[in-house]
Amino acid sequence: MQARRPTAAAEDHLVDPEVHVASFRQAREARRSELAEDYVELIADLIGDGGEARQVDIAARLGVAQPTVAKMLKRLSEDGLVQQRPYRGVFLTEAGQILAAQARERHRIVERFLCALGVSAETARRDAEGIEHHVSGETLEAFRRFAEGRAGA
């Protein structure tokens, strides 16, 4: 039996291997940083709202068990993003504060973009939570320009 040659349409969809590798690498890196960004953003919000971020509050807000939070906080501490003080909660280092601000801004841009498309505010807030970590700087900038253009319209 003779092997079938892919149709022209199928060939159009298979990208160059180097492009494929770069795409998957970007997705893997986004997944790796997603948790850290979510944690530092939440810690910053908790500190801003109540003056402290406690492990129990982080667990409740993320819907995970406290041992899961403890393990992640250990990793964030090793990465220089947080400091844990006995009986005083969790605090962001300068690097953690910068990462939290960047994550918050990315979230804000994606949320505004989705709302500019006509997505409800509630859905935009939820969807932005995942999208914000996976868009490139170029795409994020396009989202920002679009949302700003729609706000002025």
C-alpha atoms as a PDB file:
ATOM      1  CA  MET A   1       0.000   0.000   0.000  1.00  0.00           C
ATOM      2  CA  GLN A   2       1.334   3.405  -0.939  1.00  0.00           C
ATOM      3  CA  ALA A   3       1.683   6.074   1.769  1.00  0.00           C
ATOM      4  CA  ARG A   4      -0.735   8.930   1.336  1.00  0.00           C
ATOM      5  CA  ARG A   5       0.756  12.303   0.734  1.00  0.00           C
ATOM      6  CA  PRO A   6      -0.731  14.992   2.988  1.00  0.00           C
ATOM      7  CA  THR A   7      -3.039  17.428   1.255  1.00  0.00           C
ATOM      8  CA  ALA A   8      -1.969  21.011   0.722  1.00  0.00           C
ATOM      9  CA  ALA A   9      -4.338  22.085   3.510  1.00  0.00           C
ATOM     10  CA  ALA A  10      -2.712  19.676   5.978  1.00  0.00           C
ATOM     11  CA  GLU A  11       0.759  20.893   4.998  1.00  0.00           C
ATOM     12  CA  ASP A  12      -0.288  24.482   5.682  1.00  0.00           C
ATOM     13  CA  HIS A  13      -1.100  23.618   9.287  1.00  0.00           C
ATOM     14  CA  LEU A  14       2.175  21.919  10.179  1.00  0.00           C
ATOM     15  CA  VAL A  15       4.623  24.628  11.167  1.00  0.00           C
ATOM     16  CA  ASP A  16       8.387  24.504  11.013  1.00  0.00           C
ATOM     17  CA  PRO A  17       9.851  22.380  13.859  1.00  0.00           C
ATOM     18  CA  GLU A  18      11.787  25.352  15.282  1.00  0.00           C
ATOM     19  CA  VAL A  19       8.594  27.396  15.433  1.00  0.00           C
ATOM     20  CA  HIS A  20       6.803  24.479  17.092  1.00  0.00           C
ATOM     21  CA  VAL A  21       9.575  24.166  19.689  1.00  0.00           C
ATOM     22  CA  ALA A  22       9.457  27.890  20.451  1.00  0.00           C
ATOM     23  CA  SER A  23       5.671  27.786  20.879  1.00  0.00           C
ATOM     24  CA  PHE A  24       5.767  24.840  23.267  1.00  0.00           C
ATOM     25  CA  ARG A  25       8.709  26.341  25.165  1.00  0.00           C
ATOM     26  CA  GLN A  26       6.745  29.577  25.678  1.00  0.00           C
ATOM     27  CA  ALA A  27       3.751  27.601  26.988  1.00  0.00           C
ATOM     28  CA  ARG A  28       5.923  25.542  29.374  1.00  0.00           C
ATOM     29  CA  GLU A  29       7.630  28.662  30.729  1.00  0.00           C
ATOM     30  CA  ALA A  30       4.249  30.344  31.232  1.00  0.00           C
ATOM     31  CA  ARG A  31       2.941  27.339  33.182  1.00  0.00           C
ATOM     32  CA  ARG A  32       6.072  27.346  35.349  1.00  0.00           C
ATOM     33  CA  SER A  33       5.745  31.012  36.261  1.00  0.00           C
ATOM     34  CA  GLU A  34       1.930  31.023  36.519  1.00  0.00           C
ATOM     35  CA  LEU A  35       1.771  29.706  40.097  1.00  0.00           C
ATOM     36  CA  ALA A  36       4.474  32.034  41.363  1.00  0.00           C
ATOM     37  CA  GLU A  37       2.716  35.018  39.796  1.00  0.00           C
ATOM     38  CA  ASP A  38      -0.655  33.985  41.241  1.00  0.00           C
ATOM     39  CA  TYR A  39       0.814  33.574  44.716  1.00  0.00           C
ATOM     40  CA  VAL A  40       2.726  36.861  44.834  1.00  0.00           C
ATOM     41  CA  GLU A  41      -0.223  38.767  43.378  1.00  0.00           C
ATOM     42  CA  LEU A  42      -2.538  37.286  46.022  1.00  0.00           C
ATOM     43  CA  ILE A  43      -0.028  37.950  48.806  1.00  0.00           C
ATOM     44  CA  ALA A  44       0.240  41.587  47.698  1.00  0.00           C
ATOM     45  CA  ASP A  45      -3.570  41.878  47.631  1.00  0.00           C
ATOM     46  CA  LEU A  46      -3.922  40.345  51.103  1.00  0.00           C
ATOM     47  CA  ILE A  47      -1.260  42.649  52.543  1.00  0.00           C
ATOM     48  CA  GLY A  48      -2.861  45.640  50.837  1.00  0.00           C
ATOM     49  CA  ASP A  49      -6.305  44.736  52.146  1.00  0.00           C
ATOM     50  CA  GLY A  50      -5.585  43.592  55.680  1.00  0.00           C
ATOM     51  CA  GLY A  51      -1.946  44.361  56.366  1.00  0.00           C
ATOM     52  CA  GLU A  52      -0.877  40.727  56.347  1.00  0.00           C
ATOM     53  CA  ALA A  53      -0.862  37.547  54.303  1.00  0.00           C
ATOM     54  CA  ARG A  54      -1.283  34.403  56.344  1.00  0.00           C
ATOM     55  CA  GLN A  55      -0.857  30.879  55.053  1.00  0.00           C
ATOM     56  CA  VAL A  56      -4.437  29.998  56.036  1.00  0.00           C
ATOM     57  CA  ASP A  57      -5.824  32.968  54.063  1.00  0.00           C
ATOM     58  CA  ILE A  58      -3.747  32.109  51.002  1.00  0.00           C
ATOM     59  CA  ALA A  59      -4.991  28.514  51.110  1.00  0.00           C
ATOM     60  CA  ALA A  60      -8.617  29.638  51.468  1.00  0.00           C
ATOM     61  CA  ARG A  61      -8.376  32.108  48.560  1.00  0.00           C
ATOM     62  CA  LEU A  62      -6.670  29.627  46.236  1.00  0.00           C
ATOM     63  CA  GLY A  63      -8.842  26.699  47.291  1.00  0.00           C
ATOM     64  CA  VAL A  64      -5.902  24.488  48.200  1.00  0.00           C
ATOM     65  CA  ALA A  65      -4.694  22.780  51.370  1.00  0.00           C
ATOM     66  CA  GLN A  66      -2.303  24.563  53.743  1.00  0.00           C
ATOM     67  CA  PRO A  67       0.507  22.029  53.131  1.00  0.00           C
ATOM     68  CA  THR A  68       0.293  22.914  49.420  1.00  0.00           C
ATOM     69  CA  VAL A  69       0.689  26.582  50.302  1.00  0.00           C
ATOM     70  CA  ALA A  70       3.581  25.811  52.659  1.00  0.00           C
ATOM     71  CA  LYS A  71       5.419  23.957  49.894  1.00  0.00           C
ATOM     72  CA  MET A  72       4.898  26.796  47.421  1.00  0.00           C
ATOM     73  CA  LEU A  73       5.938  29.441  49.939  1.00  0.00           C
ATOM     74  CA  LYS A  74       9.157  27.513  50.526  1.00  0.00           C
ATOM     75  CA  ARG A  75       9.829  27.602  46.769  1.00  0.00           C
ATOM     76  CA  LEU A  76       8.986  31.313  46.561  1.00  0.00           C
ATOM     77  CA  SER A  77      11.301  31.977  49.481  1.00  0.00           C
ATOM     78  CA  GLU A  78      14.115  30.059  47.787  1.00  0.00           C
ATOM     79  CA  ASP A  79      13.462  32.112  44.633  1.00  0.00           C
ATOM     80  CA  GLY A  80      13.801  35.323  46.646  1.00  0.00           C
ATOM     81  CA  LEU A  81      10.184  36.429  46.177  1.00  0.00           C
ATOM     82  CA  VAL A  82       8.833  36.123  49.734  1.00  0.00           C
ATOM     83  CA  GLN A  83       9.998  36.157  53.331  1.00  0.00           C
ATOM     84  CA  GLN A  84       8.232  34.178  56.012  1.00  0.00           C
ATOM     85  CA  ARG A  85       8.387  35.434  59.549  1.00  0.00           C
ATOM     86  CA  PRO A  86       7.329  33.210  62.430  1.00  0.00           C
ATOM     87  CA  TYR A  87       3.975  34.321  63.849  1.00  0.00           C
ATOM     88  CA  ARG A  88       3.880  37.267  61.414  1.00  0.00           C
ATOM     89  CA  GLY A  89       2.849  35.789  58.074  1.00  0.00           C
ATOM     90  CA  VAL A  90       4.316  36.172  54.614  1.00  0.00           C
ATOM     91  CA  PHE A  91       5.882  39.284  53.133  1.00  0.00           C
ATOM     92  CA  LEU A  92       7.028  40.058  49.609  1.00  0.00           C
ATOM     93  CA  THR A  93      10.623  40.925  48.884  1.00  0.00           C
ATOM     94  CA  GLU A  94      11.318  43.752  46.455  1.00  0.00           C
ATOM     95  CA  ALA A  95      11.514  41.174  43.641  1.00  0.00           C
ATOM     96  CA  GLY A  96       8.191  39.718  44.790  1.00  0.00           C
ATOM     97  CA  GLN A  97       6.580  43.159  44.798  1.00  0.00           C
ATOM     98  CA  ILE A  98       7.798  43.809  41.253  1.00  0.00           C
ATOM     99  CA  LEU A  99       6.498  40.440  40.042  1.00  0.00           C
ATOM    100  CA  ALA A 100       3.132  41.036  41.763  1.00  0.00           C
ATOM    101  CA  ALA A 101       2.797  44.463  40.125  1.00  0.00           C
ATOM    102  CA  GLN A 102       3.638  43.016  36.702  1.00  0.00           C
ATOM    103  CA  ALA A 103       1.134  40.179  37.149  1.00  0.00           C
ATOM    104  CA  ARG A 104      -1.567  42.593  38.288  1.00  0.00           C
ATOM    105  CA  GLU A 105      -0.961  44.830  35.259  1.00  0.00           C
ATOM    106  CA  ARG A 106      -1.079  41.883  32.843  1.00  0.00           C
ATOM    107  CA  HIS A 107      -4.345  40.757  34.427  1.00  0.00           C
ATOM    108  CA  ARG A 108      -5.798  44.271  34.184  1.00  0.00           C
ATOM    109  CA  ILE A 109      -4.904  44.585  30.489  1.00  0.00           C
ATOM    110  CA  VAL A 110      -6.378  41.197  29.575  1.00  0.00           C
ATOM    111  CA  GLU A 111      -9.526  41.873  31.585  1.00  0.00           C
ATOM    112  CA  ARG A 112     -10.034  45.278  29.927  1.00  0.00           C
ATOM    113  CA  PHE A 113      -9.446  43.724  26.504  1.00  0.00           C
ATOM    114  CA  LEU A 114     -12.056  41.026  27.101  1.00  0.00           C
ATOM    115  CA  CYS A 115     -14.565  43.603  28.335  1.00  0.00           C
ATOM    116  CA  ALA A 116     -13.865  45.715  25.216  1.00  0.00           C
ATOM    117  CA  LEU A 117     -14.810  42.635  23.153  1.00  0.00           C
ATOM    118  CA  GLY A 118     -18.148  42.518  24.967  1.00  0.00           C
ATOM    119  CA  VAL A 119     -17.388  39.803  27.511  1.00  0.00           C
ATOM    120  CA  SER A 120     -19.172  40.350  30.835  1.00  0.00           C
ATOM    121  CA  ALA A 121     -17.046  41.772  33.643  1.00  0.00           C
ATOM    122  CA  GLU A 122     -17.396  38.596  35.740  1.00  0.00           C
ATOM    123  CA  THR A 123     -16.400  36.279  32.891  1.00  0.00           C
ATOM    124  CA  ALA A 124     -13.575  38.612  31.848  1.00  0.00           C
ATOM    125  CA  ARG A 125     -12.202  38.571  35.401  1.00  0.00           C
ATOM    126  CA  ARG A 126     -12.245  34.763  35.534  1.00  0.00           C
ATOM    127  CA  ASP A 127     -10.852  34.243  32.036  1.00  0.00           C
ATOM    128  CA  ALA A 128      -8.124  36.833  32.478  1.00  0.00           C
ATOM    129  CA  GLU A 129      -6.840  34.782  35.414  1.00  0.00           C
ATOM    130  CA  GLY A 130      -5.509  32.139  33.037  1.00  0.00           C
ATOM    131  CA  ILE A 131      -4.867  34.119  29.877  1.00  0.00           C
ATOM    132  CA  GLU A 132      -2.639  36.712  31.537  1.00  0.00           C
ATOM    133  CA  HIS A 133       0.135  34.166  32.017  1.00  0.00           C
ATOM    134  CA  HIS A 134       0.181  32.834  28.484  1.00  0.00           C
ATOM    135  CA  VAL A 135       0.238  35.850  26.193  1.00  0.00           C
ATOM    136  CA  SER A 136       3.445  37.288  24.831  1.00  0.00           C
ATOM    137  CA  GLY A 137       4.461  40.866  25.432  1.00  0.00           C
ATOM    138  CA  GLU A 138       3.567  41.663  21.829  1.00  0.00           C
ATOM    139  CA  THR A 139       0.056  40.236  22.196  1.00  0.00           C
ATOM    140  CA  LEU A 140      -0.418  41.932  25.554  1.00  0.00           C
ATOM    141  CA  GLU A 141       0.526  45.269  24.011  1.00  0.00           C
ATOM    142  CA  ALA A 142      -2.000  44.684  21.187  1.00  0.00           C
ATOM    143  CA  PHE A 143      -4.653  43.892  23.829  1.00  0.00           C
ATOM    144  CA  ARG A 144      -3.801  47.136  25.626  1.00  0.00           C
ATOM    145  CA  ARG A 145      -4.000  49.248  22.457  1.00  0.00           C
ATOM    146  CA  PHE A 146      -7.313  47.668  21.455  1.00  0.00           C
ATOM    147  CA  ALA A 147      -8.878  48.144  24.896  1.00  0.00           C
ATOM    148  CA  GLU A 148      -7.683  51.759  25.087  1.00  0.00           C
ATOM    149  CA  GLY A 149      -9.030  52.462  21.601  1.00  0.00           C
ATOM    150  CA  ARG A 150     -12.417  51.026  22.547  1.00  0.00           C
ATOM    151  CA  ALA A 151     -12.534  52.994  25.792  1.00  0.00           C
ATOM    152  CA  GLY A 152     -12.179  56.238  23.840  1.00  0.00           C
ATOM    153  CA  ALA A 153     -14.843  55.262  21.321  1.00  0.00           C
END
